[in-house]
């Protein structure tokens, strides 16, 4: 197919429509000049207004899609981070867009080097279901700041939120700037097959591999925000009450359905029992009731609910000890949740082994395995023997030991003496490494992810390069000899 031709209609009208929208966007992105800072700021302000004016609609849509999620939690974990990222882009956009001076080698003086940041063109953002607003808007703000046109593909797992995103985003920004494609895996696969200028995917590692394979056919660059088993390491000397409190908060936000939630805790063997007790006490303070509690989120659908129940049953059958945190005694004996409302109580699993499914798979729910260790070296070795995680958490009052852990482990990001909060820092890149992802965004890093950094050499009227033009003679050899000597040759 000629790259400028419009494809024939696909079997599904929705897919055909969004494909036509893509080709229209692509043609416009090649024909029109790069948008000015003023235009980009206008889009960001429109995006900010669209979010701010529709908080209730988004909150209700998300609560409906999950079965239940607190409106307060949605405001805290989705609306506020979205608005903060937009504000950061508005404040810093002029500086981000400014051509960046780079050093020029002495033999080329007085020429100059610059890096120009240009829009890539048309960007695809494939968003997940667990934070369907924030993980759409955060990436969208970066793509718009970089001057791109964007197609957003929300998750089919949260259809009410996807419908709200389509109506509100296209209404605020126009479908020629931001188009929202609803539909299931077929729609996502059809989009990934198109020659986008960049794809950002947030979701599972398995699907991320398929996205990357499809993108490779067009040599489309990708940013993959995946997941994995993010550890929380408690040093034996740290304040375990504080650590248990902060791990509980991070683990139970959105009922554990968070890609950077602490997946398991590494606790010194002599203090493991104390940690389990402190974790239970922290949960009871945050959620005196679990099932009948408007602050506690439901599992998003029946498949994920059953998956979590199966993880717990598998661990129990293989010798794990499960402690269900049920302060108000709402659950039937032997159960960890209530199926009809899809709420699962926090569960602490001890005596876990690598043969258990919960120790091989990302949990993505309110189940916390506790792994014991004797020495910090042993804990570090345990983490390093496994796929590199999206996040790592370390609790310790000793800065020297904390620095050693930072140097000796590799992860997408880290919070020291807390959980999740590195994600909320606009000045830090957010991204994974290896099986937990590739590339990063947020703040300036997001702007650069969706921009092409074009290296430009600006020659001066007066230049020494004429000294190295043929015919080669003694003067040429002196100049090249000096340049070689200066370069260490």
Protein backbone atom coordinates (compact mmCIF):
# COMPACT_ATOMS: atom_id res chain seq x y z
CA UNK A 1 0.00 0.00 0.00
CA UNK A 2 1.23 3.49 -0.82
CA UNK A 3 1.89 5.26 2.49
CA UNK A 4 -0.32 8.19 1.52
CA UNK A 5 -3.29 6.15 0.34
CA UNK A 6 -6.45 5.70 2.38
CA UNK A 7 -7.09 2.00 3.11
CA UNK A 8 -10.27 0.29 2.10
CA UNK A 9 -13.03 0.09 4.69
CA UNK A 10 -12.38 -2.47 7.40
CA UNK A 11 -15.04 -5.02 8.37
CA UNK A 12 -16.00 -3.01 11.44
CA UNK A 13 -17.23 0.51 10.82
CA UNK A 14 -15.55 1.78 13.97
CA UNK A 15 -12.14 0.52 12.89
CA UNK A 16 -12.57 1.84 9.37
CA UNK A 17 -13.52 5.25 10.74
CA UNK A 18 -10.52 5.52 13.03
CA UNK A 19 -8.17 4.34 10.26
CA UNK A 20 -9.47 7.10 8.02
CA UNK A 21 -8.98 9.53 10.88
CA UNK A 22 -5.37 8.37 11.21
CA UNK A 23 -4.57 8.93 7.53
CA UNK A 24 -6.17 12.37 7.67
CA UNK A 25 -4.11 13.27 10.73
CA UNK A 26 -0.96 11.94 9.12
CA UNK A 27 -1.48 14.04 5.99
CA UNK A 28 -2.12 17.16 8.07
CA UNK A 29 0.93 16.56 10.27
CA UNK A 30 3.13 16.43 7.16
CA UNK A 31 1.53 19.39 5.42
CA UNK A 32 1.18 21.93 8.23
CA UNK A 33 3.99 23.79 10.01
CA UNK A 34 4.86 22.71 13.56
CA UNK A 35 2.41 24.22 16.05
CA UNK A 36 3.56 27.23 18.01
CA UNK A 37 3.93 27.36 21.78
CA UNK A 38 0.72 29.39 21.90
CA UNK A 39 -1.23 26.74 20.01
CA UNK A 40 0.08 23.97 22.23
CA UNK A 41 -0.77 25.90 25.37
CA UNK A 42 -4.29 26.46 24.07
CA UNK A 43 -4.70 22.69 23.66
CA UNK A 44 -3.35 22.06 27.15
CA UNK A 45 -5.71 24.64 28.63
CA UNK A 46 -8.61 23.04 26.78
CA UNK A 47 -7.56 19.66 28.15
CA UNK A 48 -7.33 21.08 31.66
CA UNK A 49 -10.80 22.61 31.38
CA UNK A 50 -12.22 19.38 30.00
CA UNK A 51 -10.95 17.46 33.03
CA UNK A 52 -11.81 20.10 35.61
CA UNK A 53 -15.35 20.63 34.33
CA UNK A 54 -16.19 16.93 34.13
CA UNK A 55 -14.76 15.54 37.36
CA UNK A 56 -18.10 14.18 38.49
CA UNK A 57 -18.84 12.47 35.19
CA UNK A 58 -15.42 10.82 35.07
CA UNK A 59 -15.69 9.78 38.71
CA UNK A 60 -19.10 8.22 38.23
CA UNK A 61 -18.03 6.46 35.03
CA UNK A 62 -14.99 4.95 36.76
CA UNK A 63 -17.04 3.89 39.78
CA UNK A 64 -19.54 2.24 37.45
CA UNK A 65 -16.86 0.44 35.49
CA UNK A 66 -15.22 -0.94 38.64
CA UNK A 67 -18.45 -1.82 40.40
CA UNK A 68 -17.33 0.68 43.01
CA UNK A 69 -14.51 3.10 43.55
CA UNK A 70 -14.54 6.03 45.93
CA UNK A 71 -15.01 9.38 44.22
CA UNK A 72 -12.46 10.78 46.66
CA UNK A 73 -9.89 8.18 45.59
CA UNK A 74 -10.50 9.02 41.94
CA UNK A 75 -9.98 12.72 42.61
CA UNK A 76 -6.75 11.99 44.49
CA UNK A 77 -5.26 9.33 42.21
CA UNK A 78 -6.59 10.39 38.80
CA UNK A 79 -7.87 13.96 38.62
CA UNK A 80 -5.17 15.69 40.68
CA UNK A 81 -2.19 13.98 38.97
CA UNK A 82 -3.71 14.71 35.55
CA UNK A 83 -4.14 18.40 36.31
CA UNK A 84 -0.69 18.60 37.87
CA UNK A 85 0.99 17.18 34.76
CA UNK A 86 -0.92 19.59 32.54
CA UNK A 87 0.06 22.53 34.75
CA UNK A 88 3.71 21.45 34.67
CA UNK A 89 3.64 21.37 30.87
CA UNK A 90 2.03 24.82 30.67
CA UNK A 91 4.61 26.34 33.03
CA UNK A 92 7.65 24.80 31.35
CA UNK A 93 6.67 24.47 27.69
CA UNK A 94 8.58 27.52 26.41
CA UNK A 95 11.78 26.23 28.02
CA UNK A 96 11.26 22.69 26.74
CA UNK A 97 10.70 23.91 23.16
CA UNK A 98 13.76 26.16 23.10
CA UNK A 99 16.57 24.78 20.92
CA UNK A 100 19.20 23.29 23.18
CA UNK A 101 22.81 24.40 22.80
CA UNK A 102 25.37 21.61 22.62
CA UNK A 103 29.14 21.84 22.78
CA UNK A 104 31.03 22.34 19.53
CA UNK A 105 34.47 20.83 19.07
CA UNK A 106 37.23 23.42 18.96
CA UNK A 107 38.28 22.61 15.42
CA UNK A 108 34.83 23.65 14.19
CA UNK A 109 34.64 26.98 16.04
CA UNK A 110 32.97 29.47 15.64
CA UNK A 111 30.20 27.19 14.34
CA UNK A 112 27.46 26.19 16.78
CA UNK A 113 25.51 23.03 17.59
CA UNK A 114 21.84 22.98 18.53
CA UNK A 115 19.16 20.35 19.15
CA UNK A 116 15.73 21.27 17.81
CA UNK A 117 12.71 19.53 19.35
CA UNK A 118 10.10 18.76 16.71
CA UNK A 119 6.72 16.99 16.89
CA UNK A 120 6.93 13.38 15.79
CA UNK A 121 3.58 13.61 14.01
CA UNK A 122 0.74 11.24 14.92
CA UNK A 123 0.94 9.38 18.21
CA UNK A 124 -1.04 6.39 19.49
CA UNK A 125 -1.72 6.13 23.23
CA UNK A 126 -3.09 2.78 24.39
CA UNK A 127 -4.31 3.28 27.94
CA UNK A 128 -5.09 0.65 30.61
CA UNK A 129 -8.17 0.12 32.75
CA UNK A 130 -6.74 0.50 36.26
CA UNK A 131 -6.37 4.31 36.15
CA UNK A 132 -8.27 5.00 32.93
CA UNK A 133 -8.31 8.79 33.26
CA UNK A 134 -4.86 9.59 34.63
CA UNK A 135 -2.93 7.16 32.45
CA UNK A 136 -4.68 8.60 29.41
CA UNK A 137 -4.41 12.27 30.26
CA UNK A 138 -0.82 12.17 31.55
CA UNK A 139 0.46 10.76 28.28
CA UNK A 140 -1.89 12.94 26.24
CA UNK A 141 -0.63 16.12 27.90
CA UNK A 142 2.95 15.21 27.02
CA UNK A 143 2.04 14.37 23.42
CA UNK A 144 0.13 17.64 22.96
CA UNK A 145 2.93 19.66 24.57
CA UNK A 146 5.25 18.12 22.00
CA UNK A 147 2.90 19.32 19.24
CA UNK A 148 1.49 16.01 18.03
CA UNK A 149 -1.88 14.78 16.86
CA UNK A 150 -3.07 11.89 18.98
CA UNK A 151 -5.28 8.84 18.77
CA UNK A 152 -6.23 7.44 22.16
CA UNK A 153 -7.33 3.83 22.62
CA UNK A 154 -8.87 3.38 26.10
CA UNK A 155 -9.35 -0.08 27.57
CA UNK A 156 -12.51 -1.98 26.70
CA UNK A 157 -12.54 -3.16 30.34
CA UNK A 158 -13.78 0.30 31.39
CA UNK A 159 -16.36 1.10 28.67
CA UNK A 160 -18.21 3.89 30.48
CA UNK A 161 -14.96 5.77 31.05
CA UNK A 162 -13.92 5.17 27.43
CA UNK A 163 -17.21 6.66 26.23
CA UNK A 164 -16.75 9.68 28.50
CA UNK A 165 -13.19 10.18 27.25
CA UNK A 166 -14.34 10.08 23.64
CA UNK A 167 -17.13 12.58 24.11
CA UNK A 168 -15.21 14.99 26.33
CA UNK A 169 -11.75 14.90 24.72
CA UNK A 170 -12.96 15.08 21.14
CA UNK A 171 -15.41 17.81 22.12
CA UNK A 172 -12.72 19.88 23.81
CA UNK A 173 -9.87 19.40 21.35
CA UNK A 174 -11.53 18.35 18.12
CA UNK A 175 -11.22 14.90 16.56
CA UNK A 176 -8.61 16.18 14.11
CA UNK A 177 -6.26 16.84 17.04
CA UNK A 178 -7.34 14.10 19.48
CA UNK A 179 -9.43 11.14 18.36
CA UNK A 180 -10.60 8.45 20.76
CA UNK A 181 -10.97 4.90 19.42
CA UNK A 182 -13.25 2.65 21.42
CA UNK A 183 -13.58 -1.09 20.92
CA UNK A 184 -11.78 -4.23 21.94
CA UNK A 185 -8.54 -6.04 21.08
CA UNK A 186 -9.35 -6.06 17.34
CA UNK A 187 -9.44 -2.27 17.31
CA UNK A 188 -6.15 -2.07 19.21
CA UNK A 189 -4.50 -4.57 16.86
CA UNK A 190 -5.70 -2.65 13.79
CA UNK A 191 -4.31 0.59 15.20
CA UNK A 192 -0.93 -0.95 16.06
CA UNK A 193 -0.59 -2.07 12.45
CA UNK A 194 -0.74 1.54 11.22
CA UNK A 195 2.48 3.54 10.68
CA UNK A 196 2.22 5.82 13.69
CA UNK A 197 5.16 8.05 14.55
CA UNK A 198 5.16 6.80 18.16
CA UNK A 199 3.16 4.37 20.27
CA UNK A 200 2.84 4.51 24.05
CA UNK A 201 1.31 1.41 25.56
CA UNK A 202 0.48 0.87 29.22
CA UNK A 203 -0.60 -2.61 30.24
CA UNK A 204 0.60 -6.16 30.67
CA UNK A 205 3.96 -7.50 29.54
CA UNK A 206 2.28 -10.13 27.35
CA UNK A 207 0.26 -7.55 25.41
CA UNK A 208 3.24 -5.19 25.34
CA UNK A 209 5.19 -7.82 23.38
CA UNK A 210 2.42 -7.98 20.78
CA UNK A 211 2.33 -4.18 20.51
CA UNK A 212 6.08 -4.10 19.95
CA UNK A 213 5.90 -6.84 17.32
CA UNK A 214 3.21 -4.96 15.41
CA UNK A 215 5.09 -1.65 15.70
CA UNK A 216 8.26 -3.28 14.34
CA UNK A 217 6.56 -3.84 10.99
CA UNK A 218 6.54 -0.05 10.49
CA UNK A 219 9.68 0.66 12.54
CA UNK A 220 7.48 2.69 14.88
CA UNK A 221 9.23 3.64 18.12
CA UNK A 222 7.43 2.48 21.25
CA UNK A 223 7.26 3.38 24.90
CA UNK A 224 6.06 0.45 26.97
CA UNK A 225 4.82 0.97 30.52
CA UNK A 226 4.29 -2.55 31.80
CA UNK A 227 4.46 -3.92 35.34
CA UNK A 228 5.99 -6.80 37.19
CA UNK A 229 6.61 -7.72 40.78
CA UNK A 230 7.73 -4.58 42.58
CA UNK A 231 9.42 -5.40 45.92
CA UNK A 232 9.32 -3.49 49.19
CA UNK A 233 12.47 -4.16 51.24
CA UNK A 234 12.28 -3.53 54.99
CA UNK A 235 15.70 -3.31 56.62
CA UNK A 236 15.79 -4.97 60.01
CA UNK A 237 16.68 -1.68 61.74
CA UNK A 238 13.96 0.48 60.17
CA UNK A 239 10.80 1.63 61.92
CA UNK A 240 8.50 -1.26 61.01
CA UNK A 241 5.36 0.54 62.15
CA UNK A 242 6.00 3.36 59.70
CA UNK A 243 7.01 0.93 56.96
CA UNK A 244 3.95 -1.28 57.43
CA UNK A 245 1.71 1.78 57.37
CA UNK A 246 3.15 3.09 54.10
CA UNK A 247 3.26 -0.31 52.42
CA UNK A 248 -0.40 -0.84 53.36
CA UNK A 249 -1.36 2.52 51.87
CA UNK A 250 0.52 1.83 48.66
CA UNK A 251 -0.69 -1.74 48.37
CA UNK A 252 -4.38 -1.02 48.96
CA UNK A 253 -4.85 2.09 46.86
CA UNK A 254 -7.37 1.04 44.20
CA UNK A 255 -7.50 -2.34 45.98
CA UNK A 256 -4.00 -3.14 44.75
CA UNK A 257 -4.88 -2.59 41.09
CA UNK A 258 -1.86 -0.35 40.57
CA UNK A 259 1.09 -1.17 38.33
CA UNK A 260 3.59 0.19 40.86
CA UNK A 261 1.91 -1.22 43.98
CA UNK A 262 4.27 -3.12 46.30
CA UNK A 263 3.84 -6.65 45.00
CA UNK A 264 5.62 -8.40 47.87
CA UNK A 265 7.52 -7.43 51.02
CA UNK A 266 11.03 -8.59 51.90
CA UNK A 267 11.31 -8.58 55.70
CA UNK A 268 14.13 -9.74 57.97
CA UNK A 269 13.19 -13.14 59.34
CA UNK A 270 13.45 -12.11 63.00
CA UNK A 271 10.89 -9.32 62.48
CA UNK A 272 8.48 -10.96 60.02
CA UNK A 273 5.81 -11.74 62.63
CA UNK A 274 5.94 -8.17 63.93
CA UNK A 275 5.59 -6.80 60.40
CA UNK A 276 2.53 -8.94 59.68
CA UNK A 277 0.87 -7.74 62.88
CA UNK A 278 1.70 -4.09 62.16
CA UNK A 279 0.40 -4.43 58.61
CA UNK A 280 -2.91 -5.78 59.90
CA UNK A 281 -3.17 -2.90 62.37
CA UNK A 282 -2.48 -0.36 59.62
CA UNK A 283 -5.18 -1.88 57.41
CA UNK A 284 -7.68 -1.79 60.27
CA UNK A 285 -7.00 1.94 60.77
CA UNK A 286 -7.46 2.76 57.11
CA UNK A 287 -10.41 0.43 56.51
CA UNK A 288 -12.31 -0.49 59.71
CA UNK A 289 -14.71 -2.26 57.38
CA UNK A 290 -13.76 -3.81 54.07
CA UNK A 291 -16.81 -5.05 52.17
CA UNK A 292 -19.24 -2.40 53.37
CA UNK A 293 -16.83 0.51 52.95
CA UNK A 294 -17.19 3.25 50.35
CA UNK A 295 -13.45 3.98 50.54
CA UNK A 296 -12.45 0.46 49.47
CA UNK A 297 -12.43 -0.30 45.74
CA UNK A 298 -13.97 -3.30 44.02
CA UNK A 299 -12.01 -5.58 41.71
CA UNK A 300 -12.68 -4.39 38.18
CA UNK A 301 -14.44 -7.50 36.83
CA UNK A 302 -15.29 -11.10 37.57
CA UNK A 303 -12.31 -12.51 35.70
CA UNK A 304 -9.84 -10.56 37.80
CA UNK A 305 -11.75 -11.36 40.98
CA UNK A 306 -11.60 -15.09 40.21
CA UNK A 307 -7.92 -14.79 39.28
CA UNK A 308 -7.09 -13.35 42.71
CA UNK A 309 -9.14 -15.98 44.52
CA UNK A 310 -7.29 -18.64 42.54
CA UNK A 311 -3.90 -17.14 43.43
CA UNK A 312 -4.78 -17.32 47.12
CA UNK A 313 -6.12 -20.88 46.83
CA UNK A 314 -3.02 -22.02 44.96
CA UNK A 315 -0.72 -20.58 47.61
CA UNK A 316 -2.73 -22.12 50.45
CA UNK A 317 -2.68 -25.53 48.76
CA UNK A 318 1.11 -25.35 48.50
CA UNK A 319 1.73 -24.53 52.15
CA UNK A 320 1.39 -20.77 52.46
CA UNK A 321 -0.24 -19.30 55.55
CA UNK A 322 -2.88 -16.70 54.61
CA UNK A 323 -4.02 -14.03 57.04
CA UNK A 324 -7.18 -12.26 55.85
CA UNK A 325 -7.53 -8.79 57.33
CA UNK A 326 -11.25 -8.51 58.10
CA UNK A 327 -11.59 -6.06 61.03
CA UNK A 328 -15.41 -6.02 61.06
CA UNK A 329 -15.71 -9.79 60.48
CA UNK A 330 -17.80 -9.32 57.34
CA UNK A 331 -16.55 -12.34 55.43
CA UNK A 332 -17.84 -15.91 55.55
CA UNK A 333 -15.43 -18.34 57.19
CA UNK A 334 -12.59 -19.32 54.89
CA UNK A 335 -13.38 -16.66 52.25
CA UNK A 336 -11.19 -13.74 51.25
CA UNK A 337 -13.90 -11.75 49.47
CA UNK A 338 -17.52 -11.33 48.51
CA UNK A 339 -18.20 -12.31 44.94
CA UNK A 340 -21.35 -10.31 44.19
CA UNK A 341 -19.67 -6.98 45.00
CA UNK A 342 -16.21 -8.14 43.83
CA UNK A 343 -14.44 -6.93 46.95
CA UNK A 344 -11.45 -8.86 48.23
CA UNK A 345 -10.12 -8.20 51.70
CA UNK A 346 -6.41 -7.51 52.22
CA UNK A 347 -4.53 -10.78 52.58
CA UNK A 348 -1.02 -11.35 53.94
CA UNK A 349 0.66 -14.53 52.71
CA UNK A 350 3.62 -15.98 54.61
CA UNK A 351 5.69 -19.14 54.07
CA UNK A 352 5.54 -18.50 50.35
CA UNK A 353 7.72 -20.29 47.79
CA UNK A 354 8.69 -19.76 44.19
CA UNK A 355 6.43 -22.61 43.15
CA UNK A 356 3.33 -20.60 44.01
CA UNK A 357 1.57 -18.69 41.23
CA UNK A 358 1.45 -15.49 43.28
CA UNK A 359 5.25 -15.50 43.40
CA UNK A 360 5.58 -15.87 39.63
CA UNK A 361 2.81 -13.57 38.40
CA UNK A 362 2.08 -9.90 39.05
CA UNK A 363 -0.64 -9.93 41.70
CA UNK A 364 -2.49 -6.70 40.85
CA UNK A 365 -4.75 -6.98 43.87
CA UNK A 366 -4.80 -6.68 47.69
CA UNK A 367 -2.68 -9.77 48.43
CA UNK A 368 0.76 -9.18 49.97
CA UNK A 369 3.25 -12.07 50.10
CA UNK A 370 5.95 -11.70 52.76
CA UNK A 371 9.37 -13.14 51.91
CA UNK A 372 11.94 -13.40 54.70
CA UNK A 373 15.68 -12.89 54.51
CA UNK A 374 18.63 -12.97 56.92
CA UNK A 375 20.96 -10.28 55.53
CA UNK A 376 20.51 -7.26 53.28
CA UNK A 377 22.84 -8.86 50.75
CA UNK A 378 20.45 -11.80 50.61
CA UNK A 379 17.48 -9.49 50.01
CA UNK A 380 19.30 -7.66 47.22
CA UNK A 381 20.29 -10.97 45.62
CA UNK A 382 16.65 -12.11 45.76
CA UNK A 383 15.52 -9.02 43.85
CA UNK A 384 18.37 -9.20 41.33
CA UNK A 385 17.66 -12.86 40.54
CA UNK A 386 14.24 -11.89 39.20
CA UNK A 387 13.02 -9.76 36.28
CA UNK A 388 13.70 -6.07 36.81
CA UNK A 389 10.64 -4.46 38.39
CA UNK A 390 8.79 -1.29 37.50
CA UNK A 391 9.26 0.04 41.04
CA UNK A 392 11.29 -0.75 44.13
CA UNK A 393 10.71 0.44 47.68
CA UNK A 394 13.33 0.50 50.41
CA UNK A 395 12.74 1.34 54.08
CA UNK A 396 15.75 2.29 56.19
CA UNK A 397 16.92 5.31 58.17
CA UNK A 398 20.54 4.72 57.18
CA UNK A 399 21.41 6.76 54.08
CA UNK A 400 24.57 4.79 53.34
CA UNK A 401 22.68 1.51 53.18
CA UNK A 402 19.91 3.12 51.15
CA UNK A 403 22.44 4.41 48.65
CA UNK A 404 23.96 0.93 48.39
CA UNK A 405 20.55 -0.56 47.58
CA UNK A 406 19.97 2.12 44.94
CA UNK A 407 23.32 1.35 43.32
CA UNK A 408 23.04 -2.45 43.49
CA UNK A 409 19.47 -2.88 42.18
CA UNK A 410 17.92 -1.87 38.85
CA UNK A 411 14.26 -0.89 38.58
CA UNK A 412 12.08 1.55 36.70
CA UNK A 413 11.82 3.92 39.67
CA UNK A 414 12.28 3.99 43.44
CA UNK A 415 10.71 5.53 46.50
CA UNK A 416 12.81 5.40 49.66
CA UNK A 417 10.86 5.19 52.93
CA UNK A 418 7.53 5.35 51.10
CA UNK A 419 5.63 3.81 48.21
CA UNK A 420 4.16 5.09 44.93
CA UNK A 421 5.20 8.70 45.42
CA UNK A 422 8.00 8.77 42.84
CA UNK A 423 5.22 8.50 40.26
CA UNK A 424 3.75 11.80 41.44
CA UNK A 425 6.94 13.80 40.79
CA UNK A 426 6.69 15.65 37.47
CA UNK A 427 10.44 16.27 37.53
CA UNK A 428 11.24 12.54 37.50
CA UNK A 429 10.98 10.25 34.48
CA UNK A 430 8.45 7.45 34.88
CA UNK A 431 9.11 4.21 33.05
CA UNK A 432 10.22 0.62 33.30
CA UNK A 433 13.21 -1.41 32.23
CA UNK A 434 13.38 -4.80 30.58
CA UNK A 435 10.22 -6.82 31.27
CA UNK A 436 8.71 -3.86 33.14
CA UNK A 437 8.90 -1.60 30.12
CA UNK A 438 11.05 0.71 28.04
CA UNK A 439 11.18 4.45 27.65
CA UNK A 440 9.77 7.04 30.03
CA UNK A 441 7.46 10.02 30.23
CA UNK A 442 6.18 12.68 32.69
CA UNK A 443 7.30 16.29 32.61
CA UNK A 444 10.21 17.14 30.35
CA UNK A 445 10.87 13.45 29.76
CA UNK A 446 7.36 13.07 28.34
CA UNK A 447 7.86 16.07 26.07
CA UNK A 448 11.09 14.55 24.75
CA UNK A 449 9.57 11.07 24.36
CA UNK A 450 7.02 12.50 21.93
CA UNK A 451 9.48 14.85 20.21
CA UNK A 452 12.23 14.24 17.70
CA UNK A 453 15.50 15.79 18.85
CA UNK A 454 17.05 16.97 15.59
CA UNK A 455 20.76 17.70 15.72
CA UNK A 456 21.67 20.85 13.78
CA UNK A 457 25.15 22.14 12.93
CA UNK A 458 25.17 25.90 12.26
CA UNK A 459 28.22 26.83 10.24
CA UNK A 460 29.79 30.27 10.61
CA UNK A 461 30.74 32.50 7.70
CA UNK A 462 34.34 32.12 8.82
CA UNK A 463 35.52 28.56 9.29
CA UNK A 464 38.71 26.55 9.66
CA UNK A 465 37.34 23.56 7.79
CA UNK A 466 38.85 24.90 4.58
CA UNK A 467 42.23 23.96 6.04
CA UNK A 468 41.39 20.27 5.66
CA UNK A 469 40.21 20.38 2.07
CA UNK A 470 42.24 18.68 -0.67
CA UNK A 471 44.85 18.80 -2.03
CA UNK A 472 46.34 17.30 1.15
CA UNK A 473 49.69 18.72 2.05
CA UNK A 474 51.83 19.84 5.02
CA UNK A 475 49.24 22.29 6.34
CA UNK A 476 46.55 19.61 6.24
CA UNK A 477 48.79 17.18 8.13
CA UNK A 478 49.58 19.76 10.83
CA UNK A 479 45.88 20.52 11.37
CA UNK A 480 44.86 16.84 11.47
CA UNK A 481 47.85 16.05 13.70
CA UNK A 482 46.81 18.74 16.20
CA UNK A 483 43.17 17.56 16.19
CA UNK A 484 44.25 13.94 16.65
CA UNK A 485 46.62 14.89 19.51
CA UNK A 486 43.90 16.93 21.20
CA UNK A 487 41.52 13.95 20.96
CA UNK A 488 44.03 11.74 22.75
CA UNK A 489 45.53 9.99 19.73
